[in-house]
Amino acid sequence: MSSEIALGAGGAQPSHQSIDRLGTLASGACAVHCALSAILPEAIAAVGLGALLGHELEWGFTFAALVFAATALPLGWRKHRSRPVVALLAGGIVALLLARVLEGAGEMVCISLSVVGGALLVTGHLSNIRASRRVRAATAEP
């Protein structure tokens, strides 16, 4: 994966694929952060990375993952009309939102919803890239 953001027509906006790649990164980071924060909080704090356990970072990961998913979902739908891709992205968005809304319901509920939501979004973004490539390949054939 290139570190450059491919620009769309006119060079003004990132391409659909770049949005999905960045969304995959943000969603994966969100899921890993939630899992590690739950499994290894003492180890994280012991090595001087206690700031990674804060709610601010958790909300930041969630916000980034939601923005990329909410952007990628309609762009992908317009291109390939794949219901499974929409289901994955929408399911991930709902799971992450529920995790934030239910923060007082118990730590395991929030962690589970966050990890599942992040995993759904990673899978959704990767599926979005594949579905878009299939459409592009099918329309490029003579």
Foldseek 3Di string as FASTA:
>chain_A
DDPDFDADPPRPHGDLLSLLVQLLVLLVVLLVLLVCCVPPVVVCVVVPNNVSNDVVVNVVSLVSNLVSLVVNLVVLCVQQVDPLLNCLSVQLNVLQVCLVVCVVVDSVSNSVSSNSSSVSSNVSSVVSVVRNVVSVVVVPDD
